[in-house]
Amino acid sequence: MRAPIGPFDHAVPAPDCLVELVPPVAEAVAGWAGDVPADRILYVDTDPAIADTAAFVAHYGQDLLGRSANCVVVAAKRGGATTLAACLVPSAGRVDVNGAVRRHLGARKVSFAPMDTAVELTGMEYGGITPLGLPDGWPLLIDPEVADMPYVLVGSGRRRGKLIAPGALFAQLPGAELVAGLAL
């Protein structure tokens, strides 16, 4: 099947290719019970050497910059406690860590989580972290622009491959909260 966005001629419904996904993402897809059917989550195989946004859109098409989103893990500190959260913003923007995220999480200080921490706790590869399959209890802050996109390209949990799904699906994920002004 052809993907609804991008130049991908071979898109596979994610429930039909769970072996291509890391365990937490495969479990999230297999157990999906949201309003958007799971078979609308599509997997496309991509080159892991160009997984980062700039290289990816240079290779697969500049129009994907406005149709994709990045998921980053942040560490919010208040007192002696640290809260980890994920943020999903359009790829053309960047997360307002010191403004919107800090205020929303009620933190004194917020920074990007260390790579080793993000990889270990999510069970995903750095550069492929996706909002599907995040650890239980994590807030998932989403810029409303992402939820409004007809289809969004995001990581698959690995550097190889991407997921394409309706933006509305992300707002239905566990812990999801729409946060106006999340992206700069």
C-alpha atoms as a PDB file:
ATOM      1  CA  MET A   1       0.000   0.000   0.000  1.00  0.00           C
ATOM      2  CA  ARG A   2       1.124   3.546  -0.685  1.00  0.00           C
ATOM      3  CA  ALA A   3       1.582   5.823   2.341  1.00  0.00           C
ATOM      4  CA  PRO A   4      -0.814   8.793   2.623  1.00  0.00           C
ATOM      5  CA  ILE A   5       2.172  11.170   2.881  1.00  0.00           C
ATOM      6  CA  GLY A   6       5.715  11.079   1.561  1.00  0.00           C
ATOM      7  CA  PRO A   7       7.239   9.088  -1.293  1.00  0.00           C
ATOM      8  CA  PHE A   8       6.719   5.718   0.409  1.00  0.00           C
ATOM      9  CA  ASP A   9       5.279   3.129  -1.993  1.00  0.00           C
ATOM     10  CA  HIS A  10       5.392   0.327   0.549  1.00  0.00           C
ATOM     11  CA  ALA A  11       3.553   1.151   3.780  1.00  0.00           C
ATOM     12  CA  VAL A  12       2.383  -1.688   6.019  1.00  0.00           C
ATOM     13  CA  PRO A  13      -0.246  -1.477   8.759  1.00  0.00           C
ATOM     14  CA  ALA A  14       1.798  -1.603  11.980  1.00  0.00           C
ATOM     15  CA  PRO A  15      -0.295  -4.458  13.465  1.00  0.00           C
ATOM     16  CA  ASP A  16       0.891  -6.574  10.494  1.00  0.00           C
ATOM     17  CA  CYS A  17       4.610  -5.980  11.118  1.00  0.00           C
ATOM     18  CA  LEU A  18       5.074  -5.969  14.889  1.00  0.00           C
ATOM     19  CA  VAL A  19       8.447  -7.738  14.497  1.00  0.00           C
ATOM     20  CA  GLU A  20       9.818  -4.547  12.912  1.00  0.00           C
ATOM     21  CA  LEU A  21       9.074  -2.588  16.099  1.00  0.00           C
ATOM     22  CA  VAL A  22      10.841  -2.492  19.456  1.00  0.00           C
ATOM     23  CA  PRO A  23       8.903  -4.347  22.194  1.00  0.00           C
ATOM     24  CA  PRO A  24       7.239  -1.344  23.915  1.00  0.00           C
ATOM     25  CA  VAL A  25       6.036   0.052  20.575  1.00  0.00           C
ATOM     26  CA  ALA A  26       4.844  -3.363  19.371  1.00  0.00           C
ATOM     27  CA  GLU A  27       2.924  -3.827  22.636  1.00  0.00           C
ATOM     28  CA  ALA A  28       1.311  -0.386  22.303  1.00  0.00           C
ATOM     29  CA  VAL A  29       0.230  -1.109  18.723  1.00  0.00           C
ATOM     30  CA  ALA A  30      -1.014  -4.618  19.543  1.00  0.00           C
ATOM     31  CA  GLY A  31      -2.992  -3.347  22.536  1.00  0.00           C
ATOM     32  CA  TRP A  32      -4.317  -0.198  20.866  1.00  0.00           C
ATOM     33  CA  ALA A  33      -7.958   0.537  21.740  1.00  0.00           C
ATOM     34  CA  GLY A  34      -8.394   4.178  20.714  1.00  0.00           C
ATOM     35  CA  ASP A  35     -11.001   5.670  18.373  1.00  0.00           C
ATOM     36  CA  VAL A  36      -8.546   5.649  15.459  1.00  0.00           C
ATOM     37  CA  PRO A  37      -8.217   2.008  14.281  1.00  0.00           C
ATOM     38  CA  ALA A  38      -4.777   0.442  14.811  1.00  0.00           C
ATOM     39  CA  ASP A  39      -4.482  -0.448  11.127  1.00  0.00           C
ATOM     40  CA  ARG A  40      -4.278   3.301  10.367  1.00  0.00           C
ATOM     41  CA  ILE A  41      -0.869   3.272  12.061  1.00  0.00           C
ATOM     42  CA  LEU A  42       1.479   2.540   9.156  1.00  0.00           C
ATOM     43  CA  TYR A  43       5.107   1.442   9.141  1.00  0.00           C
ATOM     44  CA  VAL A  44       7.519   2.482   6.403  1.00  0.00           C
ATOM     45  CA  ASP A  45      11.055   1.169   6.147  1.00  0.00           C
ATOM     46  CA  THR A  46      13.646   3.948   5.961  1.00  0.00           C
ATOM     47  CA  ASP A  47      17.411   4.278   6.004  1.00  0.00           C
ATOM     48  CA  PRO A  48      18.688   4.487   9.620  1.00  0.00           C
ATOM     49  CA  ALA A  49      21.703   6.526   8.517  1.00  0.00           C
ATOM     50  CA  ILE A  50      19.414   9.457   7.708  1.00  0.00           C
ATOM     51  CA  ALA A  51      16.918   9.213  10.596  1.00  0.00           C
ATOM     52  CA  ASP A  52      17.599  12.726  11.888  1.00  0.00           C
ATOM     53  CA  THR A  53      15.102  15.315  10.641  1.00  0.00           C
ATOM     54  CA  ALA A  54      17.357  17.452   8.418  1.00  0.00           C
ATOM     55  CA  ALA A  55      18.919  14.487   6.615  1.00  0.00           C
ATOM     56  CA  PHE A  56      15.580  12.683   6.417  1.00  0.00           C
ATOM     57  CA  VAL A  57      13.694  15.511   4.706  1.00  0.00           C
ATOM     58  CA  ALA A  58      16.657  16.281   2.437  1.00  0.00           C
ATOM     59  CA  HIS A  59      16.447  12.693   1.168  1.00  0.00           C
ATOM     60  CA  TYR A  60      12.706  11.896   1.270  1.00  0.00           C
ATOM     61  CA  GLY A  61      11.285  15.338   0.480  1.00  0.00           C
ATOM     62  CA  GLN A  62      11.192  18.780   2.052  1.00  0.00           C
ATOM     63  CA  ASP A  63       7.371  18.632   2.253  1.00  0.00           C
ATOM     64  CA  LEU A  64       7.723  16.049   5.052  1.00  0.00           C
ATOM     65  CA  LEU A  65       9.084  18.753   7.354  1.00  0.00           C
ATOM     66  CA  GLY A  66       5.540  20.124   7.672  1.00  0.00           C
ATOM     67  CA  ARG A  67       4.022  16.643   8.024  1.00  0.00           C
ATOM     68  CA  SER A  68       6.257  15.135  10.677  1.00  0.00           C
ATOM     69  CA  ALA A  69       6.806  15.469  14.397  1.00  0.00           C
ATOM     70  CA  ASN A  70       9.686  14.842  16.766  1.00  0.00           C
ATOM     71  CA  CYS A  71       9.347  13.204  20.163  1.00  0.00           C
ATOM     72  CA  VAL A  72      11.878  14.225  22.805  1.00  0.00           C
ATOM     73  CA  VAL A  73      12.266  13.167  26.428  1.00  0.00           C
ATOM     74  CA  VAL A  74      12.680  15.854  29.067  1.00  0.00           C
ATOM     75  CA  ALA A  75      13.607  15.794  32.752  1.00  0.00           C
ATOM     76  CA  ALA A  76      11.711  18.260  34.947  1.00  0.00           C
ATOM     77  CA  LYS A  77      13.128  19.034  38.392  1.00  0.00           C
ATOM     78  CA  ARG A  78      11.405  20.534  41.406  1.00  0.00           C
ATOM     79  CA  GLY A  79      12.947  20.204  44.826  1.00  0.00           C
ATOM     80  CA  GLY A  80      14.655  16.824  44.929  1.00  0.00           C
ATOM     81  CA  ALA A  81      12.200  15.148  42.531  1.00  0.00           C
ATOM     82  CA  THR A  82      12.672  14.565  38.823  1.00  0.00           C
ATOM     83  CA  THR A  83       9.767  13.882  36.479  1.00  0.00           C
ATOM     84  CA  LEU A  84      10.374  12.470  33.027  1.00  0.00           C
ATOM     85  CA  ALA A  85       7.998  13.385  30.227  1.00  0.00           C
ATOM     86  CA  ALA A  86       7.860  13.205  26.444  1.00  0.00           C
ATOM     87  CA  CYS A  87       7.080  16.132  24.164  1.00  0.00           C
ATOM     88  CA  LEU A  88       5.730  15.814  20.617  1.00  0.00           C
ATOM     89  CA  VAL A  89       6.130  18.867  18.405  1.00  0.00           C
ATOM     90  CA  PRO A  90       6.126  19.549  14.669  1.00  0.00           C
ATOM     91  CA  SER A  91       9.541  18.821  13.168  1.00  0.00           C
ATOM     92  CA  ALA A  92       9.761  22.376  11.853  1.00  0.00           C
ATOM     93  CA  GLY A  93       9.713  23.687  15.434  1.00  0.00           C
ATOM     94  CA  ARG A  94      11.470  22.979  18.681  1.00  0.00           C
ATOM     95  CA  VAL A  95      10.206  22.286  22.188  1.00  0.00           C
ATOM     96  CA  ASP A  96       9.776  25.336  24.446  1.00  0.00           C
ATOM     97  CA  VAL A  97      11.545  23.582  27.314  1.00  0.00           C
ATOM     98  CA  ASN A  98      12.143  26.650  29.485  1.00  0.00           C
ATOM     99  CA  GLY A  99       8.689  28.129  28.953  1.00  0.00           C
ATOM    100  CA  ALA A 100       5.691  25.943  28.118  1.00  0.00           C
ATOM    101  CA  VAL A 101       7.149  22.656  29.415  1.00  0.00           C
ATOM    102  CA  ARG A 102       8.475  24.142  32.662  1.00  0.00           C
ATOM    103  CA  ARG A 103       5.167  25.898  33.390  1.00  0.00           C
ATOM    104  CA  HIS A 104       3.002  22.917  32.458  1.00  0.00           C
ATOM    105  CA  LEU A 105       4.978  20.485  34.615  1.00  0.00           C
ATOM    106  CA  GLY A 106       5.362  22.970  37.487  1.00  0.00           C
ATOM    107  CA  ALA A 107       9.113  22.512  37.456  1.00  0.00           C
ATOM    108  CA  ARG A 108      11.903  24.779  38.587  1.00  0.00           C
ATOM    109  CA  LYS A 109      14.216  23.507  35.848  1.00  0.00           C
ATOM    110  CA  VAL A 110      13.656  21.401  32.718  1.00  0.00           C
ATOM    111  CA  SER A 111      16.281  19.972  30.404  1.00  0.00           C
ATOM    112  CA  PHE A 112      16.497  17.298  27.769  1.00  0.00           C
ATOM    113  CA  ALA A 113      16.917  13.940  29.475  1.00  0.00           C
ATOM    114  CA  PRO A 114      20.360  12.361  29.103  1.00  0.00           C
ATOM    115  CA  MET A 115      20.496  10.092  26.060  1.00  0.00           C
ATOM    116  CA  ASP A 116      21.327   6.991  28.122  1.00  0.00           C
ATOM    117  CA  THR A 117      18.368   7.624  30.433  1.00  0.00           C
ATOM    118  CA  ALA A 118      15.921   8.176  27.555  1.00  0.00           C
ATOM    119  CA  VAL A 119      17.069   5.036  25.741  1.00  0.00           C
ATOM    120  CA  GLU A 120      17.101   2.821  28.826  1.00  0.00           C
ATOM    121  CA  LEU A 121      13.723   3.884  30.176  1.00  0.00           C
ATOM    122  CA  THR A 122      11.836   3.931  26.857  1.00  0.00           C
ATOM    123  CA  GLY A 123      13.385   0.757  25.403  1.00  0.00           C
ATOM    124  CA  MET A 124      13.810   2.693  22.155  1.00  0.00           C
ATOM    125  CA  GLU A 125      16.784   3.834  20.108  1.00  0.00           C
ATOM    126  CA  TYR A 126      18.044   7.395  20.333  1.00  0.00           C
ATOM    127  CA  GLY A 127      16.905   9.219  17.211  1.00  0.00           C
ATOM    128  CA  GLY A 128      13.841   7.000  16.887  1.00  0.00           C
ATOM    129  CA  ILE A 129      11.931   7.661  20.114  1.00  0.00           C
ATOM    130  CA  THR A 130       8.201   7.724  19.466  1.00  0.00           C
ATOM    131  CA  PRO A 131       5.167   8.579  21.601  1.00  0.00           C
ATOM    132  CA  LEU A 132       3.715   5.072  21.157  1.00  0.00           C
ATOM    133  CA  GLY A 133       4.867   2.749  23.933  1.00  0.00           C
ATOM    134  CA  LEU A 134       6.209   5.287  26.411  1.00  0.00           C
ATOM    135  CA  PRO A 135       6.601   4.125  30.022  1.00  0.00           C
ATOM    136  CA  ASP A 136       3.435   4.058  32.138  1.00  0.00           C
ATOM    137  CA  GLY A 137       2.776   7.260  34.019  1.00  0.00           C
ATOM    138  CA  TRP A 138       4.820   9.546  31.788  1.00  0.00           C
ATOM    139  CA  PRO A 139       3.125  12.750  30.694  1.00  0.00           C
ATOM    140  CA  LEU A 140       3.035  13.106  26.901  1.00  0.00           C
ATOM    141  CA  LEU A 141       2.845  16.795  26.037  1.00  0.00           C
ATOM    142  CA  ILE A 142       1.619  17.393  22.491  1.00  0.00           C
ATOM    143  CA  ASP A 143       1.542  20.589  20.504  1.00  0.00           C
ATOM    144  CA  PRO A 144      -2.047  20.920  19.186  1.00  0.00           C
ATOM    145  CA  GLU A 145      -0.708  21.429  15.651  1.00  0.00           C
ATOM    146  CA  VAL A 146       0.415  17.770  15.658  1.00  0.00           C
ATOM    147  CA  ALA A 147      -2.993  16.495  16.763  1.00  0.00           C
ATOM    148  CA  ASP A 148      -4.624  18.537  13.973  1.00  0.00           C
ATOM    149  CA  MET A 149      -2.503  17.043  11.171  1.00  0.00           C
ATOM    150  CA  PRO A 150      -4.364  14.572   8.927  1.00  0.00           C
ATOM    151  CA  TYR A 151      -1.299  12.290   9.026  1.00  0.00           C
ATOM    152  CA  VAL A 152       1.954  12.633  10.952  1.00  0.00           C
ATOM    153  CA  LEU A 153       5.283  10.908  10.378  1.00  0.00           C
ATOM    154  CA  VAL A 154       7.105  10.028  13.645  1.00  0.00           C
ATOM    155  CA  GLY A 155       9.845   7.682  14.784  1.00  0.00           C
ATOM    156  CA  SER A 156       9.174   3.969  15.112  1.00  0.00           C
ATOM    157  CA  GLY A 157      11.207   3.320  18.240  1.00  0.00           C
ATOM    158  CA  ARG A 158      14.246   2.512  16.099  1.00  0.00           C
ATOM    159  CA  ARG A 159      16.323   4.640  13.762  1.00  0.00           C
ATOM    160  CA  ARG A 160      15.247   2.315  10.947  1.00  0.00           C
ATOM    161  CA  GLY A 161      11.668   2.910   9.907  1.00  0.00           C
ATOM    162  CA  LYS A 162       9.010   5.488  10.667  1.00  0.00           C
ATOM    163  CA  LEU A 163       5.377   5.392  11.661  1.00  0.00           C
ATOM    164  CA  ILE A 164       2.654   7.382   9.914  1.00  0.00           C
ATOM    165  CA  ALA A 165      -0.641   7.874  11.743  1.00  0.00           C
ATOM    166  CA  PRO A 166      -3.516  10.357  11.942  1.00  0.00           C
ATOM    167  CA  GLY A 167      -2.633  13.243  14.250  1.00  0.00           C
ATOM    168  CA  ALA A 168      -5.765  12.595  16.315  1.00  0.00           C
ATOM    169  CA  LEU A 169      -4.334   9.226  17.375  1.00  0.00           C
ATOM    170  CA  PHE A 170      -1.538  10.865  19.370  1.00  0.00           C
ATOM    171  CA  ALA A 171      -3.987  12.844  21.511  1.00  0.00           C
ATOM    172  CA  GLN A 172      -5.532   9.491  22.535  1.00  0.00           C
ATOM    173  CA  LEU A 173      -2.292   7.974  23.832  1.00  0.00           C
ATOM    174  CA  PRO A 174      -1.898   7.314  27.579  1.00  0.00           C
ATOM    175  CA  GLY A 175      -0.811  10.455  29.440  1.00  0.00           C
ATOM    176  CA  ALA A 176      -1.434  12.714  26.411  1.00  0.00           C
ATOM    177  CA  GLU A 177      -2.078  16.389  27.096  1.00  0.00           C
ATOM    178  CA  LEU A 178      -2.422  19.088  24.449  1.00  0.00           C
ATOM    179  CA  VAL A 179      -0.269  22.078  25.391  1.00  0.00           C
ATOM    180  CA  ALA A 180      -0.703  25.307  23.419  1.00  0.00           C
ATOM    181  CA  GLY A 181       2.616  26.965  22.649  1.00  0.00           C
ATOM    182  CA  LEU A 182       4.643  23.792  23.222  1.00  0.00           C
ATOM    183  CA  ALA A 183       6.538  24.342  19.978  1.00  0.00           C
ATOM    184  CA  LEU A 184       8.594  27.406  19.134  1.00  0.00           C
END
